[in-house]
Each structure stands twice: as C-alpha cells, then as structure tokens.
Amino acid sequence: MLDVRKLRLLRELAHRKTIAAVAEAMSYTPSAVSQQLTALEREAGVPLLERTGRRVTLTPAALTLVDHAETILAALEQATADLAASRATLTGTLRIGAFPTAVATILAPALVALSHDHPRLELLVTELDPATVPDALRAEALDVALVQEYDYVPAEPDPALDTEPLLEETIYLAAPTAAPLEDHHDTSWILGTPGTLCHTMTIRVCQAAGFTPRVRHHVDDFSTVLALVAAGQGVALVPELGALTPSPNILLTALPTRRKTLLAYRRGTGRHPAVAAARAALCASATTISSTFGK
C-alpha cells in the first residue's frame, strides 16, 4: 500500500524541483525527504527518481504516480470537507492569502462580514505575492488565496488547485503627461521587484509596444509607485486597485491590458464550510469594488 504522506512529498518534488525546496516547504530535513522518497520507490516497486550528482528528476512512472496523487489528495480533502459540513457551528482556523492591493480593498470588507457571520472562526491573513500562492496552498500554509493573471502573463493550470474568477481590472499607464505607451521608450520606468508578476507584465507590455523599459526603480507598493511618478522619477503601469486615489499630478491612461484576480483553494476543499464562507464573502466584496470602477 502506498503511503499518502510520501505521495505528497513526491507531488511537491514535481512542483518544487529540488529536495531542498521540498524539505524547506514541508518542514523536513533534506535527508528525511530523501529517505521517504526512497521508501516510496520500494513501495511502488519501480524507479521513481533519476539522480545525476545533486540533481534529481522524476521518471515517467513517477510522473504517472504524481497524477494519481493529485486525485488521491483531492479526494481526502473532499472527505474532510464533508465531515466538517456535518458540524453545527463553523469553528477552527481559516488561513487567507492576498496580495497588497487586495488586502485593504477586497479582503478587509470580507473579513468584517466573516467575523460577523461566524464569530467562532479564527481568521489568519498573510500578505504575499501571487506568484508564491500555489506553493503555499499545496503546502497547506493557506486555505484560500487571491491569485492574479495578466494578459501578458498567463497562469499555468495547477492540478492541485481550483480557481474561480473574482475581479477584472484595467491596467493604466501612470505618467505626468499624456503620451502613448510607445513614446516612453526612452523614459525612466518604475517596476516591481524582479520575479513578481507585475514586473514581468510591465516588461512584456513594453516589449509588445516595441521597446524594453529602462528601469530606474523597483517598488512593489503602488501608492509609493504613484508618489514616485508624481515626483518625476519615472512612469509605471498600475492596475485599477492600485490607482483608486491617484495624485492630481498624474495622468492615468487606460491600456487594453487587463489584470484578472481569481480565488484559489485546494482541490476538494471548495465545499468545506470555512472555505465556502470565505468564497461567498470575498465574491460579495469584489462585486462591490468592481461597481466603483470607472466612477
């Protein structure tokens, strides 16, 4: 019989690529992860890992087993959700992840509603970049989270997660004066930290306009980005949630590029009472926010 905990480690290795990364995420030592995966190979009766020096890759048999592991883990999550649904009162802990511009705008009103409707539910919020959300959900560091997709940065489907659309925003060019995007090929730019979705989006939007932006500053907080634009430090691309209260010294020019926010949770957990309550509260909050766009 295959051990579910070992299958989970194999699944994480398929996503995280290295034993060290799996160990850090799952609070194991690297040697413990290696021992568990070796034991899984014995249970499976076929080679699962190919080792070349310090590098480890999954064999075709291992990839097949990972697909089965996704189904097995989702079924266990569904069983847990069904048991939780039989309880009369919603209790326990709900861990929610959100990106910075969503915390004050979408998440805060949802937390008020959840606290009012389910006072015994303990709410824990973590602010993080959407690029790190899938790993955090799979590792059970989060139960529900907000993720993003930009037109120029499509998200790869994750078989461990379910998602549903929450909000769609316009992307604006924030600049001191009106000018088409392509006219800013020699302008200084303000971008997010390399590795963030916002940074990648800005690079690709500019490249689609025929140039690579000349980066002067790296800033992730959009209020700070707008302050720098107002101070003449460069131009930037800002989503609608980050531009709700722009400075009078900044002109916002709508671009055809869009940012989509999605609600994400582990497969099988969608009907868990706590997750379902969070989904309802976040959807209601996002609907209220979207009704203010363009006003």
C-alpha atoms as a PDB file:
ATOM      1  CA  MET A   1       0.000   0.000   0.000  1.00  0.00           C
ATOM      2  CA  LEU A   2       1.359   3.407  -0.991  1.00  0.00           C
ATOM      3  CA  ASP A   3       1.749   5.926   1.828  1.00  0.00           C
ATOM      4  CA  VAL A   4      -0.179   9.177   1.311  1.00  0.00           C
ATOM      5  CA  ARG A   5       2.415  11.285   3.111  1.00  0.00           C
ATOM      6  CA  LYS A   6       5.142  10.002   0.814  1.00  0.00           C
ATOM      7  CA  LEU A   7       2.947  10.634  -2.233  1.00  0.00           C
ATOM      8  CA  ARG A   8       2.569  14.207  -1.093  1.00  0.00           C
ATOM      9  CA  LEU A   9       6.351  14.617  -0.942  1.00  0.00           C
ATOM     10  CA  LEU A  10       6.635  13.242  -4.476  1.00  0.00           C
ATOM     11  CA  ARG A  11       3.954  15.683  -5.644  1.00  0.00           C
ATOM     12  CA  GLU A  12       5.839  18.566  -4.058  1.00  0.00           C
ATOM     13  CA  LEU A  13       9.082  17.458  -5.711  1.00  0.00           C
ATOM     14  CA  ALA A  14       7.334  17.573  -9.081  1.00  0.00           C
ATOM     15  CA  HIS A  15       6.400  21.209  -8.416  1.00  0.00           C
ATOM     16  CA  ARG A  16       9.417  22.488  -6.474  1.00  0.00           C
ATOM     17  CA  LYS A  17      12.081  20.582  -8.463  1.00  0.00           C
ATOM     18  CA  THR A  18      14.615  20.088  -5.640  1.00  0.00           C
ATOM     19  CA  ILE A  19      14.653  18.005  -2.476  1.00  0.00           C
ATOM     20  CA  ALA A  20      15.970  21.015  -0.537  1.00  0.00           C
ATOM     21  CA  ALA A  21      12.961  23.116  -1.601  1.00  0.00           C
ATOM     22  CA  VAL A  22      10.563  20.322  -0.622  1.00  0.00           C
ATOM     23  CA  ALA A  23      12.249  19.953   2.758  1.00  0.00           C
ATOM     24  CA  GLU A  24      12.006  23.680   3.489  1.00  0.00           C
ATOM     25  CA  ALA A  25       8.343  23.869   2.474  1.00  0.00           C
ATOM     26  CA  MET A  26       7.264  20.757   4.361  1.00  0.00           C
ATOM     27  CA  SER A  27       9.404  21.302   7.500  1.00  0.00           C
ATOM     28  CA  TYR A  28      11.562  18.219   6.922  1.00  0.00           C
ATOM     29  CA  THR A  29      15.315  17.834   6.660  1.00  0.00           C
ATOM     30  CA  PRO A  30      16.578  17.079   3.130  1.00  0.00           C
ATOM     31  CA  SER A  31      17.836  13.679   4.319  1.00  0.00           C
ATOM     32  CA  ALA A  32      14.367  12.856   5.695  1.00  0.00           C
ATOM     33  CA  VAL A  33      12.753  13.741   2.365  1.00  0.00           C
ATOM     34  CA  SER A  34      15.280  11.553   0.528  1.00  0.00           C
ATOM     35  CA  GLN A  35      14.614   8.654   2.897  1.00  0.00           C
ATOM     36  CA  GLN A  36      10.844   8.967   2.460  1.00  0.00           C
ATOM     37  CA  LEU A  37      11.121   9.065  -1.331  1.00  0.00           C
ATOM     38  CA  THR A  38      13.442   6.061  -1.320  1.00  0.00           C
ATOM     39  CA  ALA A  39      10.895   4.204   0.788  1.00  0.00           C
ATOM     40  CA  LEU A  40       8.173   5.194  -1.694  1.00  0.00           C
ATOM     41  CA  GLU A  41      10.250   3.696  -4.505  1.00  0.00           C
ATOM     42  CA  ARG A  42      10.369   0.408  -2.599  1.00  0.00           C
ATOM     43  CA  GLU A  43       6.605   0.511  -2.069  1.00  0.00           C
ATOM     44  CA  ALA A  44       5.980   1.300  -5.744  1.00  0.00           C
ATOM     45  CA  GLY A  45       8.370  -1.379  -6.971  1.00  0.00           C
ATOM     46  CA  VAL A  46       9.659   0.812  -9.826  1.00  0.00           C
ATOM     47  CA  PRO A  47      12.297   3.571 -10.069  1.00  0.00           C
ATOM     48  CA  LEU A  48      10.797   6.981  -9.356  1.00  0.00           C
ATOM     49  CA  LEU A  49      13.875   9.205  -9.251  1.00  0.00           C
ATOM     50  CA  GLU A  50      16.859   9.614 -11.517  1.00  0.00           C
ATOM     51  CA  ARG A  51      19.871  11.051  -9.708  1.00  0.00           C
ATOM     52  CA  THR A  52      22.686  12.859 -11.504  1.00  0.00           C
ATOM     53  CA  GLY A  53      25.088  14.287  -8.966  1.00  0.00           C
ATOM     54  CA  ARG A  54      22.954  16.511  -6.741  1.00  0.00           C
ATOM     55  CA  ARG A  55      20.173  16.815  -9.313  1.00  0.00           C
ATOM     56  CA  VAL A  56      17.040  14.686  -9.118  1.00  0.00           C
ATOM     57  CA  THR A  57      14.465  14.228 -11.874  1.00  0.00           C
ATOM     58  CA  LEU A  58      11.242  12.238 -11.887  1.00  0.00           C
ATOM     59  CA  THR A  59      10.914   9.150 -14.070  1.00  0.00           C
ATOM     60  CA  PRO A  60       7.852   8.650 -16.331  1.00  0.00           C
ATOM     61  CA  ALA A  61       6.484   6.240 -13.705  1.00  0.00           C
ATOM     62  CA  ALA A  62       6.867   8.948 -11.044  1.00  0.00           C
ATOM     63  CA  LEU A  63       5.003  11.485 -13.167  1.00  0.00           C
ATOM     64  CA  THR A  64       2.158   9.000 -13.573  1.00  0.00           C
ATOM     65  CA  LEU A  65       2.135   8.483  -9.823  1.00  0.00           C
ATOM     66  CA  VAL A  66       2.019  12.262  -9.275  1.00  0.00           C
ATOM     67  CA  ASP A  67      -1.151  12.430 -11.392  1.00  0.00           C
ATOM     68  CA  HIS A  68      -2.727   9.752  -9.195  1.00  0.00           C
ATOM     69  CA  ALA A  69      -1.503  11.558  -6.090  1.00  0.00           C
ATOM     70  CA  GLU A  70      -3.354  14.716  -7.130  1.00  0.00           C
ATOM     71  CA  THR A  71      -6.603  12.718  -7.355  1.00  0.00           C
ATOM     72  CA  ILE A  72      -5.999  10.933  -4.054  1.00  0.00           C
ATOM     73  CA  LEU A  73      -5.145  14.123  -2.152  1.00  0.00           C
ATOM     74  CA  ALA A  74      -8.192  15.928  -3.588  1.00  0.00           C
ATOM     75  CA  ALA A  75     -10.427  13.019  -2.501  1.00  0.00           C
ATOM     76  CA  LEU A  76      -9.047  13.226   1.042  1.00  0.00           C
ATOM     77  CA  GLU A  77      -9.672  16.983   1.084  1.00  0.00           C
ATOM     78  CA  GLN A  78     -13.251  16.350  -0.056  1.00  0.00           C
ATOM     79  CA  ALA A  79     -13.751  13.772   2.711  1.00  0.00           C
ATOM     80  CA  THR A  80     -12.519  16.294   5.289  1.00  0.00           C
ATOM     81  CA  ALA A  81     -14.836  18.952   3.832  1.00  0.00           C
ATOM     82  CA  ASP A  82     -17.845  16.624   4.005  1.00  0.00           C
ATOM     83  CA  LEU A  83     -17.129  15.792   7.651  1.00  0.00           C
ATOM     84  CA  ALA A  84     -16.762  19.485   8.508  1.00  0.00           C
ATOM     85  CA  ALA A  85     -20.105  20.205   6.847  1.00  0.00           C
ATOM     86  CA  SER A  86     -21.831  17.916   9.369  1.00  0.00           C
ATOM     87  CA  ARG A  87     -20.877  20.149  12.297  1.00  0.00           C
ATOM     88  CA  ALA A  88     -23.492  22.569  13.564  1.00  0.00           C
ATOM     89  CA  THR A  89     -21.152  25.537  14.163  1.00  0.00           C
ATOM     90  CA  LEU A  90     -18.400  26.895  11.974  1.00  0.00           C
ATOM     91  CA  THR A  91     -15.204  26.882  14.042  1.00  0.00           C
ATOM     92  CA  GLY A  92     -11.491  26.420  13.526  1.00  0.00           C
ATOM     93  CA  THR A  93      -8.872  28.425  11.661  1.00  0.00           C
ATOM     94  CA  LEU A  94      -9.081  29.826   8.146  1.00  0.00           C
ATOM     95  CA  ARG A  95      -5.792  30.985   6.598  1.00  0.00           C
ATOM     96  CA  ILE A  96      -6.235  33.548   3.836  1.00  0.00           C
ATOM     97  CA  GLY A  97      -3.555  34.871   1.496  1.00  0.00           C
ATOM     98  CA  ALA A  98      -3.841  38.081  -0.510  1.00  0.00           C
ATOM     99  CA  PHE A  99      -1.649  40.471  -2.463  1.00  0.00           C
ATOM    100  CA  PRO A 100      -1.136  44.006  -1.036  1.00  0.00           C
ATOM    101  CA  THR A 101      -3.651  45.992  -3.122  1.00  0.00           C
ATOM    102  CA  ALA A 102      -6.366  43.443  -2.339  1.00  0.00           C
ATOM    103  CA  VAL A 103      -5.880  43.431   1.451  1.00  0.00           C
ATOM    104  CA  ALA A 104      -7.414  46.858   2.057  1.00  0.00           C
ATOM    105  CA  THR A 105      -9.876  46.846  -0.832  1.00  0.00           C
ATOM    106  CA  ILE A 106     -11.275  43.306  -1.202  1.00  0.00           C
ATOM    107  CA  LEU A 107     -10.149  41.384   1.866  1.00  0.00           C
ATOM    108  CA  ALA A 108     -10.872  43.857   4.684  1.00  0.00           C
ATOM    109  CA  PRO A 109     -14.648  44.108   3.990  1.00  0.00           C
ATOM    110  CA  ALA A 110     -14.811  40.325   3.596  1.00  0.00           C
ATOM    111  CA  LEU A 111     -13.141  39.856   6.984  1.00  0.00           C
ATOM    112  CA  VAL A 112     -15.729  42.104   8.600  1.00  0.00           C
ATOM    113  CA  ALA A 113     -18.539  40.022   7.096  1.00  0.00           C
ATOM    114  CA  LEU A 114     -16.914  36.717   8.081  1.00  0.00           C
ATOM    115  CA  SER A 115     -16.268  37.861  11.650  1.00  0.00           C
ATOM    116  CA  HIS A 116     -19.877  38.987  11.990  1.00  0.00           C
ATOM    117  CA  ASP A 117     -21.443  35.851  10.497  1.00  0.00           C
ATOM    118  CA  HIS A 118     -19.023  33.318  12.002  1.00  0.00           C
ATOM    119  CA  PRO A 119     -17.597  34.744  15.239  1.00  0.00           C
ATOM    120  CA  ARG A 120     -16.008  31.427  16.262  1.00  0.00           C
ATOM    121  CA  LEU A 121     -13.987  31.172  13.047  1.00  0.00           C
ATOM    122  CA  GLU A 122     -10.389  32.314  13.590  1.00  0.00           C
ATOM    123  CA  LEU A 123      -9.145  34.301  10.576  1.00  0.00           C
ATOM    124  CA  LEU A 124      -5.418  34.466   9.806  1.00  0.00           C
ATOM    125  CA  VAL A 125      -4.238  36.713   6.957  1.00  0.00           C
ATOM    126  CA  THR A 126      -0.920  36.573   5.127  1.00  0.00           C
ATOM    127  CA  GLU A 127       0.123  39.223   2.612  1.00  0.00           C
ATOM    128  CA  LEU A 128       2.189  37.717  -0.216  1.00  0.00           C
ATOM    129  CA  ASP A 129       2.936  37.966  -3.898  1.00  0.00           C
ATOM    130  CA  PRO A 130       0.517  35.922  -6.035  1.00  0.00           C
ATOM    131  CA  ALA A 131       3.439  34.072  -7.625  1.00  0.00           C
ATOM    132  CA  THR A 132       4.033  32.295  -4.299  1.00  0.00           C
ATOM    133  CA  VAL A 133       0.388  31.385  -3.651  1.00  0.00           C
ATOM    134  CA  PRO A 134       0.192  27.951  -5.368  1.00  0.00           C
ATOM    135  CA  ASP A 135       3.102  26.607  -3.326  1.00  0.00           C
ATOM    136  CA  ALA A 136       1.591  27.972  -0.096  1.00  0.00           C
ATOM    137  CA  LEU A 137      -1.805  26.395  -0.826  1.00  0.00           C
ATOM    138  CA  ARG A 138      -0.330  22.991  -1.675  1.00  0.00           C
ATOM    139  CA  ALA A 139       1.791  23.086   1.490  1.00  0.00           C
ATOM    140  CA  GLU A 140      -1.378  23.893   3.495  1.00  0.00           C
ATOM    141  CA  ALA A 141       0.104  27.153   4.737  1.00  0.00           C
ATOM    142  CA  LEU A 142      -3.044  28.769   3.267  1.00  0.00           C
ATOM    143  CA  ASP A 143      -6.621  27.586   2.798  1.00  0.00           C
ATOM    144  CA  VAL A 144      -7.896  30.308   0.472  1.00  0.00           C
ATOM    145  CA  ALA A 145      -5.948  32.895  -1.502  1.00  0.00           C
ATOM    146  CA  LEU A 146      -6.205  35.511  -4.201  1.00  0.00           C
ATOM    147  CA  VAL A 147      -4.116  34.950  -7.318  1.00  0.00           C
ATOM    148  CA  GLN A 148      -3.594  37.038 -10.438  1.00  0.00           C
ATOM    149  CA  GLU A 149      -3.367  36.640 -14.169  1.00  0.00           C
ATOM    150  CA  TYR A 150      -2.251  39.382 -16.537  1.00  0.00           C
ATOM    151  CA  ASP A 151      -2.976  39.329 -20.256  1.00  0.00           C
ATOM    152  CA  TYR A 152       0.754  39.046 -20.922  1.00  0.00           C
ATOM    153  CA  VAL A 153       1.464  36.667 -18.023  1.00  0.00           C
ATOM    154  CA  PRO A 154      -0.955  33.727 -18.297  1.00  0.00           C
ATOM    155  CA  ALA A 155      -1.014  31.361 -15.342  1.00  0.00           C
ATOM    156  CA  GLU A 156      -0.176  27.696 -15.762  1.00  0.00           C
ATOM    157  CA  PRO A 157      -3.043  25.462 -14.587  1.00  0.00           C
ATOM    158  CA  ASP A 158      -2.209  23.717 -11.307  1.00  0.00           C
ATOM    159  CA  PRO A 159      -3.889  20.317 -10.938  1.00  0.00           C
ATOM    160  CA  ALA A 160      -3.769  20.671  -7.142  1.00  0.00           C
ATOM    161  CA  LEU A 161      -5.904  23.819  -7.128  1.00  0.00           C
ATOM    162  CA  ASP A 162      -9.357  25.020  -8.101  1.00  0.00           C
ATOM    163  CA  THR A 163      -9.887  28.656  -9.074  1.00  0.00           C
ATOM    164  CA  GLU A 164     -12.829  30.913  -9.821  1.00  0.00           C
ATOM    165  CA  PRO A 165     -12.898  34.444 -11.283  1.00  0.00           C
ATOM    166  CA  LEU A 166     -13.261  37.245  -8.773  1.00  0.00           C
ATOM    167  CA  LEU A 167     -12.391  40.606 -10.328  1.00  0.00           C
ATOM    168  CA  GLU A 168     -11.102  42.116 -13.583  1.00  0.00           C
ATOM    169  CA  GLU A 169      -9.215  45.410 -13.720  1.00  0.00           C
ATOM    170  CA  THR A 170      -7.886  47.833 -16.301  1.00  0.00           C
ATOM    171  CA  ILE A 171      -4.128  48.465 -16.368  1.00  0.00           C
ATOM    172  CA  TYR A 172      -3.168  52.157 -16.530  1.00  0.00           C
ATOM    173  CA  LEU A 173      -0.069  53.950 -17.704  1.00  0.00           C
ATOM    174  CA  ALA A 174       0.733  56.387 -14.884  1.00  0.00           C
ATOM    175  CA  ALA A 175       2.715  59.368 -16.162  1.00  0.00           C
ATOM    176  CA  PRO A 176       2.989  63.132 -15.547  1.00  0.00           C
ATOM    177  CA  THR A 177       1.652  63.934 -19.029  1.00  0.00           C
ATOM    178  CA  ALA A 178      -0.463  62.301 -21.730  1.00  0.00           C
ATOM    179  CA  ALA A 179       1.504  60.268 -24.268  1.00  0.00           C
ATOM    180  CA  PRO A 180       1.099  56.869 -25.936  1.00  0.00           C
ATOM    181  CA  LEU A 181       2.908  53.954 -24.301  1.00  0.00           C
ATOM    182  CA  GLU A 182       5.390  53.614 -27.192  1.00  0.00           C
ATOM    183  CA  ASP A 183       6.539  57.213 -26.688  1.00  0.00           C
ATOM    184  CA  HIS A 184       8.056  56.210 -23.345  1.00  0.00           C
ATOM    185  CA  HIS A 185      10.836  54.062 -24.840  1.00  0.00           C
ATOM    186  CA  ASP A 186      13.475  56.462 -23.507  1.00  0.00           C
ATOM    187  CA  THR A 187      11.676  57.314 -20.259  1.00  0.00           C
ATOM    188  CA  SER A 188      12.762  56.054 -16.845  1.00  0.00           C
ATOM    189  CA  TRP A 189      10.445  53.324 -15.537  1.00  0.00           C
ATOM    190  CA  ILE A 190       9.311  52.162 -12.103  1.00  0.00           C
ATOM    191  CA  LEU A 191       8.804  48.386 -11.936  1.00  0.00           C
ATOM    192  CA  GLY A 192       8.020  45.813  -9.292  1.00  0.00           C
ATOM    193  CA  THR A 193      10.662  43.553  -7.819  1.00  0.00           C
ATOM    194  CA  PRO A 194      12.088  41.094 -10.386  1.00  0.00           C
ATOM    195  CA  GLY A 195      10.260  37.783 -10.112  1.00  0.00           C
ATOM    196  CA  THR A 196       6.882  39.350  -9.336  1.00  0.00           C
ATOM    197  CA  LEU A 197       4.010  39.089 -11.806  1.00  0.00           C
ATOM    198  CA  CYS A 198       3.746  42.876 -12.024  1.00  0.00           C
ATOM    199  CA  HIS A 199       7.406  43.169 -13.028  1.00  0.00           C
ATOM    200  CA  THR A 200       7.010  40.513 -15.726  1.00  0.00           C
ATOM    201  CA  MET A 201       3.796  42.101 -17.006  1.00  0.00           C
ATOM    202  CA  THR A 202       5.390  45.535 -17.401  1.00  0.00           C
ATOM    203  CA  ILE A 203       8.378  44.126 -19.278  1.00  0.00           C
ATOM    204  CA  ARG A 204       6.146  42.192 -21.680  1.00  0.00           C
ATOM    205  CA  VAL A 205       3.679  45.028 -22.277  1.00  0.00           C
ATOM    206  CA  CYS A 206       6.541  47.363 -23.150  1.00  0.00           C
ATOM    207  CA  GLN A 207       8.183  44.773 -25.390  1.00  0.00           C
ATOM    208  CA  ALA A 208       4.881  44.308 -27.206  1.00  0.00           C
ATOM    209  CA  ALA A 209       4.956  48.092 -27.813  1.00  0.00           C
ATOM    210  CA  GLY A 210       8.410  47.753 -29.375  1.00  0.00           C
ATOM    211  CA  PHE A 211      10.863  48.552 -26.595  1.00  0.00           C
ATOM    212  CA  THR A 212      12.389  47.301 -23.358  1.00  0.00           C
ATOM    213  CA  PRO A 213      11.803  49.684 -20.424  1.00  0.00           C
ATOM    214  CA  ARG A 214      14.755  51.496 -18.861  1.00  0.00           C
ATOM    215  CA  VAL A 215      14.264  50.539 -15.208  1.00  0.00           C
ATOM    216  CA  ARG A 216      15.181  53.179 -12.643  1.00  0.00           C
ATOM    217  CA  HIS A 217      13.349  51.995  -9.516  1.00  0.00           C
ATOM    218  CA  HIS A 218      11.983  48.698  -8.184  1.00  0.00           C
ATOM    219  CA  VAL A 219       8.932  49.269  -5.967  1.00  0.00           C
ATOM    220  CA  ASP A 220       6.068  46.901  -5.130  1.00  0.00           C
ATOM    221  CA  ASP A 221       3.692  49.200  -3.227  1.00  0.00           C
ATOM    222  CA  PHE A 222       1.531  51.050  -5.764  1.00  0.00           C
ATOM    223  CA  SER A 223       0.958  54.089  -3.538  1.00  0.00           C
ATOM    224  CA  THR A 224       4.738  54.509  -3.432  1.00  0.00           C
ATOM    225  CA  VAL A 225       4.915  53.925  -7.189  1.00  0.00           C
ATOM    226  CA  LEU A 226       2.406  56.741  -7.782  1.00  0.00           C
ATOM    227  CA  ALA A 227       4.298  59.021  -5.384  1.00  0.00           C
ATOM    228  CA  LEU A 228       7.470  58.451  -7.402  1.00  0.00           C
ATOM    229  CA  VAL A 229       5.648  59.129 -10.665  1.00  0.00           C
ATOM    230  CA  ALA A 230       4.277  62.380  -9.191  1.00  0.00           C
ATOM    231  CA  ALA A 231       7.838  63.295  -8.147  1.00  0.00           C
ATOM    232  CA  GLY A 232       9.035  62.931 -11.730  1.00  0.00           C
ATOM    233  CA  GLN A 233      11.021  59.754 -11.086  1.00  0.00           C
ATOM    234  CA  GLY A 234       9.576  57.810 -13.994  1.00  0.00           C
ATOM    235  CA  VAL A 235       6.422  56.220 -15.351  1.00  0.00           C
ATOM    236  CA  ALA A 236       4.737  52.944 -14.397  1.00  0.00           C
ATOM    237  CA  LEU A 237       1.944  50.521 -15.168  1.00  0.00           C
ATOM    238  CA  VAL A 238      -0.602  50.365 -12.353  1.00  0.00           C
ATOM    239  CA  PRO A 239      -3.723  48.176 -12.025  1.00  0.00           C
ATOM    240  CA  GLU A 240      -7.052  49.741 -11.137  1.00  0.00           C
ATOM    241  CA  LEU A 241      -6.970  48.672  -7.475  1.00  0.00           C
ATOM    242  CA  GLY A 242      -3.625  50.433  -7.119  1.00  0.00           C
ATOM    243  CA  ALA A 243      -4.869  53.645  -8.717  1.00  0.00           C
ATOM    244  CA  LEU A 244      -8.107  54.337  -6.839  1.00  0.00           C
ATOM    245  CA  THR A 245      -6.756  57.617  -5.368  1.00  0.00           C
ATOM    246  CA  PRO A 246      -4.177  58.990  -7.834  1.00  0.00           C
ATOM    247  CA  SER A 247      -2.282  62.239  -7.317  1.00  0.00           C
ATOM    248  CA  PRO A 248      -3.587  65.257  -9.275  1.00  0.00           C
ATOM    249  CA  ASN A 249      -0.097  65.480 -10.796  1.00  0.00           C
ATOM    250  CA  ILE A 250      -0.516  62.100 -12.514  1.00  0.00           C
ATOM    251  CA  LEU A 251      -2.420  61.268 -15.654  1.00  0.00           C
ATOM    252  CA  LEU A 252      -3.771  57.720 -15.901  1.00  0.00           C
ATOM    253  CA  THR A 253      -4.140  56.374 -19.431  1.00  0.00           C
ATOM    254  CA  ALA A 254      -6.156  53.164 -19.770  1.00  0.00           C
ATOM    255  CA  LEU A 255      -4.424  50.369 -21.698  1.00  0.00           C
ATOM    256  CA  PRO A 256      -6.077  47.343 -23.342  1.00  0.00           C
ATOM    257  CA  THR A 257      -4.178  45.116 -20.909  1.00  0.00           C
ATOM    258  CA  ARG A 258      -6.209  43.589 -18.075  1.00  0.00           C
ATOM    259  CA  ARG A 259      -5.458  42.051 -14.711  1.00  0.00           C
ATOM    260  CA  LYS A 260      -7.707  39.242 -13.503  1.00  0.00           C
ATOM    261  CA  THR A 261      -7.961  38.271  -9.837  1.00  0.00           C
ATOM    262  CA  LEU A 262      -9.032  34.730  -9.064  1.00  0.00           C
ATOM    263  CA  LEU A 263      -9.967  32.954  -5.857  1.00  0.00           C
ATOM    264  CA  ALA A 264      -7.881  29.800  -5.333  1.00  0.00           C
ATOM    265  CA  TYR A 265      -8.127  26.847  -2.959  1.00  0.00           C
ATOM    266  CA  ARG A 266      -7.016  23.218  -2.896  1.00  0.00           C
ATOM    267  CA  ARG A 267      -8.989  20.758  -4.985  1.00  0.00           C
ATOM    268  CA  GLY A 268     -11.643  19.096  -2.882  1.00  0.00           C
ATOM    269  CA  THR A 269     -11.951  21.925  -0.328  1.00  0.00           C
ATOM    270  CA  GLY A 270     -14.454  24.115  -2.168  1.00  0.00           C
ATOM    271  CA  ARG A 271     -17.426  22.815  -0.171  1.00  0.00           C
ATOM    272  CA  HIS A 272     -15.645  22.958   3.189  1.00  0.00           C
ATOM    273  CA  PRO A 273     -17.838  25.285   5.295  1.00  0.00           C
ATOM    274  CA  ALA A 274     -14.998  27.681   6.145  1.00  0.00           C
ATOM    275  CA  VAL A 275     -13.756  27.845   2.553  1.00  0.00           C
ATOM    276  CA  ALA A 276     -17.314  28.225   1.225  1.00  0.00           C
ATOM    277  CA  ALA A 277     -17.955  31.083   3.673  1.00  0.00           C
ATOM    278  CA  ALA A 278     -14.755  32.826   2.573  1.00  0.00           C
ATOM    279  CA  ARG A 279     -15.653  32.365  -1.091  1.00  0.00           C
ATOM    280  CA  ALA A 280     -19.052  33.982  -0.547  1.00  0.00           C
ATOM    281  CA  ALA A 281     -17.651  36.914   1.451  1.00  0.00           C
ATOM    282  CA  LEU A 282     -14.806  37.600  -0.994  1.00  0.00           C
ATOM    283  CA  CYS A 283     -17.101  37.401  -4.029  1.00  0.00           C
ATOM    284  CA  ALA A 284     -19.530  39.873  -2.427  1.00  0.00           C
ATOM    285  CA  SER A 285     -16.687  42.247  -1.583  1.00  0.00           C
ATOM    286  CA  ALA A 286     -15.220  42.036  -5.106  1.00  0.00           C
ATOM    287  CA  THR A 287     -18.637  42.760  -6.632  1.00  0.00           C
ATOM    288  CA  THR A 288     -18.915  45.912  -4.528  1.00  0.00           C
ATOM    289  CA  ILE A 289     -15.412  47.026  -5.513  1.00  0.00           C
ATOM    290  CA  SER A 290     -15.940  46.395  -9.244  1.00  0.00           C
ATOM    291  CA  SER A 291     -19.086  48.543  -9.174  1.00  0.00           C
ATOM    292  CA  THR A 292     -16.890  51.543  -8.273  1.00  0.00           C
ATOM    293  CA  PHE A 293     -14.516  51.115 -11.217  1.00  0.00           C
ATOM    294  CA  GLY A 294     -14.730  53.857 -13.801  1.00  0.00           C
ATOM    295  CA  LYS A 295     -16.574  56.240 -11.488  1.00  0.00           C
END
